[in-house]
N, C-alpha and C. Protein backbone atom coordinates (compact mmCIF):
# COMPACT_ATOMS: atom_id res chain seq x y z
N UNK A 1 85.32 80.05 80.10
CA UNK A 1 85.07 80.86 81.08
C UNK A 1 85.71 79.96 82.33
N UNK A 2 86.44 78.80 82.49
CA UNK A 2 87.19 78.42 83.21
C UNK A 2 88.50 79.01 83.29
N UNK A 3 88.92 79.31 81.93
CA UNK A 3 90.41 79.91 81.43
C UNK A 3 90.34 81.34 82.40
N UNK A 4 89.35 81.84 82.10
CA UNK A 4 89.16 83.23 82.78
C UNK A 4 89.20 83.35 84.37
N UNK A 5 88.94 82.33 85.01
CA UNK A 5 88.93 82.76 86.19
C UNK A 5 90.37 82.11 86.61
N UNK A 6 91.07 81.27 86.22
CA UNK A 6 92.55 81.04 86.43
C UNK A 6 93.44 82.57 86.06
N UNK A 7 92.90 82.98 85.14
CA UNK A 7 93.57 83.83 84.91
C UNK A 7 93.61 85.18 85.64
N UNK A 8 92.44 85.38 86.28
CA UNK A 8 92.03 86.26 87.05
C UNK A 8 92.96 86.25 88.19
N UNK A 9 92.80 84.71 88.74
CA UNK A 9 93.30 84.31 89.95
C UNK A 9 94.47 84.63 90.14
N UNK A 10 95.57 84.51 89.20
CA UNK A 10 97.13 84.72 88.68
C UNK A 10 97.48 86.29 88.72
N UNK A 11 96.60 87.22 88.43
CA UNK A 11 96.62 88.29 88.50
C UNK A 11 96.43 88.96 89.73
N UNK A 12 95.76 88.41 90.50
CA UNK A 12 95.12 88.57 92.11
C UNK A 12 96.42 88.04 93.12
N UNK A 13 97.31 86.99 92.56
CA UNK A 13 98.09 86.28 93.88
C UNK A 13 99.58 86.78 93.00
N UNK A 14 99.67 88.23 92.10
CA UNK A 14 101.02 87.91 91.88
C UNK A 14 101.73 88.49 93.00
N UNK A 15 102.97 87.95 93.16
CA UNK A 15 103.83 88.62 94.21
C UNK A 15 104.71 90.04 94.12
N UNK A 16 104.57 90.35 95.39
CA UNK A 16 105.08 91.96 95.25
C UNK A 16 106.49 91.41 94.85
N UNK A 17 107.25 93.07 95.13
CA UNK A 17 108.33 93.19 95.02
C UNK A 17 109.08 92.76 95.92
N UNK A 18 108.88 92.84 96.88
CA UNK A 18 109.51 92.55 98.40
C UNK A 18 109.42 91.25 98.37
N UNK A 19 108.41 90.38 98.01
CA UNK A 19 108.47 88.85 98.04
C UNK A 19 109.64 88.24 97.07
N UNK A 20 109.65 89.24 95.93
CA UNK A 20 110.41 88.16 94.84
C UNK A 20 112.16 88.80 95.20
N UNK A 21 112.44 90.10 96.25
CA UNK A 21 113.89 90.26 95.89
C UNK A 21 114.00 90.09 97.42
N UNK A 22 115.38 90.17 98.23
CA UNK A 22 115.65 90.26 99.63
C UNK A 22 115.56 91.65 99.92
N UNK A 23 115.22 91.92 101.45
CA UNK A 23 115.28 93.04 101.94
C UNK A 23 116.55 93.29 102.40
N UNK A 24 117.07 94.64 102.26
CA UNK A 24 118.37 95.00 102.30
C UNK A 24 118.45 95.01 104.04
N UNK A 25 119.68 94.40 104.61
CA UNK A 25 119.72 94.01 106.29
C UNK A 25 120.05 95.30 106.47
N UNK A 26 119.65 95.79 107.79
CA UNK A 26 119.57 96.76 108.34
C UNK A 26 120.47 96.78 109.90
N UNK A 27 121.26 97.94 109.93
CA UNK A 27 122.09 97.77 111.13
C UNK A 27 121.13 98.27 112.72
N UNK A 28 120.23 99.10 112.43
CA UNK A 28 119.11 99.63 113.00
C UNK A 28 117.71 99.45 112.32
N UNK A 29 116.94 98.63 112.83
CA UNK A 29 115.58 98.77 112.32
C UNK A 29 114.11 98.85 112.75
N UNK A 30 114.02 100.44 112.44
CA UNK A 30 113.21 101.01 113.34
C UNK A 30 111.58 101.03 112.38
N UNK A 31 110.66 101.00 113.13
CA UNK A 31 109.34 100.82 112.37
C UNK A 31 109.05 101.76 110.84
N UNK A 32 109.59 102.90 110.71
CA UNK A 32 109.68 103.51 109.49
C UNK A 32 110.82 104.15 108.86
N UNK A 33 111.88 103.33 109.47
CA UNK A 33 113.09 103.89 109.05
C UNK A 33 114.45 102.31 108.99
N UNK A 34 115.11 102.59 107.91
CA UNK A 34 116.04 101.23 108.12
C UNK A 34 117.45 101.95 108.44
N UNK A 35 118.01 102.10 109.16
CA UNK A 35 119.27 102.88 109.30
C UNK A 35 120.63 101.75 109.16
N UNK A 36 121.51 102.39 107.99
CA UNK A 36 122.80 101.53 108.02
C UNK A 36 124.00 102.73 108.62
N UNK A 37 124.86 101.82 109.47
CA UNK A 37 125.62 102.72 110.63
C UNK A 37 127.17 102.03 109.97
N UNK A 38 126.87 101.13 108.95
CA UNK A 38 128.46 100.48 109.08
C UNK A 38 128.87 100.36 107.56
N UNK A 39 129.69 99.48 107.08
CA UNK A 39 129.80 98.85 105.64
C UNK A 39 128.89 97.68 105.37
N UNK A 40 128.15 97.89 104.62
CA UNK A 40 127.31 96.56 103.57
C UNK A 40 127.77 96.18 102.42
N UNK A 41 128.70 95.06 102.46
CA UNK A 41 129.44 94.53 100.94
C UNK A 41 128.01 93.75 100.64
N UNK A 42 127.76 94.04 99.63
CA UNK A 42 126.39 93.22 98.78
C UNK A 42 127.05 92.22 97.61
N UNK A 43 128.35 92.33 97.65
CA UNK A 43 128.77 91.45 96.81
C UNK A 43 128.64 92.05 95.11
N UNK A 44 128.36 90.59 94.81
CA UNK A 44 127.71 91.03 93.10
C UNK A 44 126.61 91.64 92.88
N UNK A 45 125.94 92.60 93.85
CA UNK A 45 124.83 93.28 93.96
C UNK A 45 123.96 92.56 93.86
N UNK A 46 123.08 93.13 93.00
CA UNK A 46 121.37 92.52 92.94
C UNK A 46 120.24 93.49 93.03
N UNK A 47 119.09 92.85 93.55
CA UNK A 47 118.01 93.93 93.51
C UNK A 47 117.50 93.86 94.99
N UNK A 48 117.46 94.67 95.83
CA UNK A 48 116.89 94.49 97.18
C UNK A 48 115.89 95.30 97.38
N UNK A 49 115.09 95.38 98.14
CA UNK A 49 113.60 96.12 98.75
C UNK A 49 114.20 96.73 100.24
N UNK A 50 113.76 98.17 100.53
CA UNK A 50 113.65 98.51 101.40
C UNK A 50 112.34 99.27 101.66
N UNK A 51 111.14 98.39 102.73
CA UNK A 51 110.16 98.90 102.42
C UNK A 51 109.62 99.79 103.68
N UNK A 52 110.74 100.65 103.44
CA UNK A 52 110.64 102.02 104.02
C UNK A 52 111.54 103.29 103.96
N UNK A 53 111.97 104.28 104.90
CA UNK A 53 113.14 105.01 104.78
C UNK A 53 114.37 104.45 104.81
N UNK A 54 115.21 104.62 103.68
CA UNK A 54 116.55 104.36 103.96
C UNK A 54 117.71 105.45 104.36
N UNK A 55 118.37 105.32 105.57
CA UNK A 55 118.83 106.58 106.20
C UNK A 55 120.20 105.94 106.22
N UNK A 56 121.36 106.56 105.72
CA UNK A 56 122.55 105.92 105.80
C UNK A 56 123.33 107.47 106.69
N UNK A 57 123.84 106.58 108.01
CA UNK A 57 123.99 107.36 109.11
C UNK A 57 125.38 107.61 109.43
N UNK A 58 125.92 108.73 109.14
CA UNK A 58 127.34 108.67 109.41
C UNK A 58 128.64 108.38 108.12
N UNK A 59 129.65 109.09 108.15
CA UNK A 59 131.02 108.63 107.29
C UNK A 59 131.53 106.87 107.18
N UNK A 60 130.82 106.41 108.37
CA UNK A 60 131.10 104.85 108.14
C UNK A 60 129.92 103.77 107.24
N UNK A 61 128.41 104.54 107.44
CA UNK A 61 127.22 103.93 106.50
C UNK A 61 127.73 104.00 104.91
N UNK A 62 128.15 102.58 104.86
CA UNK A 62 128.59 102.67 103.24
C UNK A 62 127.95 101.18 102.38
N UNK A 63 127.23 101.28 101.39
CA UNK A 63 126.86 100.21 100.73
C UNK A 63 127.40 100.00 99.23
N UNK A 64 128.13 98.37 99.52
CA UNK A 64 129.22 98.59 98.73
C UNK A 64 128.94 97.09 97.84
N UNK A 65 129.42 97.23 96.68
CA UNK A 65 129.27 96.05 95.75
C UNK A 65 130.67 96.40 94.75
N UNK A 66 130.87 94.96 94.26
CA UNK A 66 131.77 94.35 93.28
C UNK A 66 132.08 95.41 92.38
N UNK A 67 133.26 95.86 91.60
CA UNK A 67 133.40 96.09 90.10
C UNK A 67 132.75 96.09 89.29
N UNK A 68 132.00 96.55 88.35
CA UNK A 68 131.18 96.23 87.40
C UNK A 68 129.73 95.56 88.11
N UNK A 69 129.66 95.53 88.99
CA UNK A 69 128.62 94.74 89.16
C UNK A 69 126.79 95.95 89.13
N UNK A 70 126.09 95.39 89.16
CA UNK A 70 124.71 96.27 88.99
C UNK A 70 124.17 96.30 90.56
N UNK A 71 123.91 97.25 91.32
CA UNK A 71 122.65 97.30 92.85
C UNK A 71 121.53 98.21 92.38
N UNK A 72 120.59 97.44 92.58
CA UNK A 72 118.78 98.37 92.47
C UNK A 72 118.33 98.09 94.00
N UNK A 73 118.05 99.30 94.12
CA UNK A 73 117.78 99.41 95.82
C UNK A 73 115.94 99.68 95.47
N UNK A 74 115.27 99.15 95.64
CA UNK A 74 113.68 99.67 95.54
C UNK A 74 113.19 99.78 97.15
N UNK A 75 113.04 101.47 97.23
CA UNK A 75 112.85 101.85 98.42
C UNK A 75 111.43 102.59 98.41
N UNK A 76 110.71 102.12 99.30
CA UNK A 76 109.16 102.51 99.49
C UNK A 76 109.02 104.06 100.05
N UNK A 77 109.88 104.63 101.23
CA UNK A 77 110.15 105.83 101.77
C UNK A 77 111.15 106.75 101.17
N UNK A 78 111.77 107.49 101.74
CA UNK A 78 112.94 108.32 101.51
C UNK A 78 114.14 107.22 101.12
N UNK A 79 115.15 108.66 100.51
CA UNK A 79 116.59 107.93 100.73
C UNK A 79 117.58 109.24 101.43
N UNK A 80 117.83 108.78 102.57
CA UNK A 80 118.80 110.04 103.24
C UNK A 80 120.36 109.63 103.41
N UNK A 81 120.90 110.46 102.71
CA UNK A 81 122.65 109.96 103.06
C UNK A 81 123.30 110.91 103.71
N UNK A 82 123.66 110.75 105.18
CA UNK A 82 124.52 111.73 105.86
C UNK A 82 125.69 112.14 104.98
N UNK A 83 126.58 113.28 105.48
CA UNK A 83 127.85 113.65 104.94
C UNK A 83 128.82 112.37 105.15
N UNK A 84 129.49 112.58 103.97
CA UNK A 84 130.61 111.04 103.93
C UNK A 84 129.85 109.93 103.77
N UNK A 85 128.89 109.53 103.84
CA UNK A 85 128.27 108.24 103.70
C UNK A 85 128.14 107.80 102.04
N UNK A 86 128.47 106.63 101.82
CA UNK A 86 128.63 106.20 100.54
C UNK A 86 127.85 104.96 99.81
N UNK A 87 127.63 105.08 98.36
CA UNK A 87 127.04 104.08 97.65
C UNK A 87 127.85 103.38 96.72
N UNK A 88 128.59 102.74 96.71
CA UNK A 88 129.54 102.15 95.71
C UNK A 88 129.89 101.17 95.29
N UNK A 89 130.77 101.47 93.69
CA UNK A 89 130.84 99.79 92.82
C UNK A 89 132.10 99.69 93.08
N UNK A 90 132.67 99.99 93.77
CA UNK A 90 134.46 99.69 93.65
C UNK A 90 134.79 98.89 94.82
């Protein structure tokens, strides 16, 4: 019976994806939107969280990783990319 209580307790306190992965840095951090306006070089890539809408604004907005890397962005809201903005791996 004690084992069941511990198992249930572990299930209830499982960390969220946001707690496990870093939040993607925003240039402008609004309550409902993370705005990217410049180049963000994420190096080797990885998994990042955006707990709201991600908006890449204008042609200077870019999220970049190294060649051959993997990038995963877990977005709670929407993904909005203005004309000329990029997400690249080169």
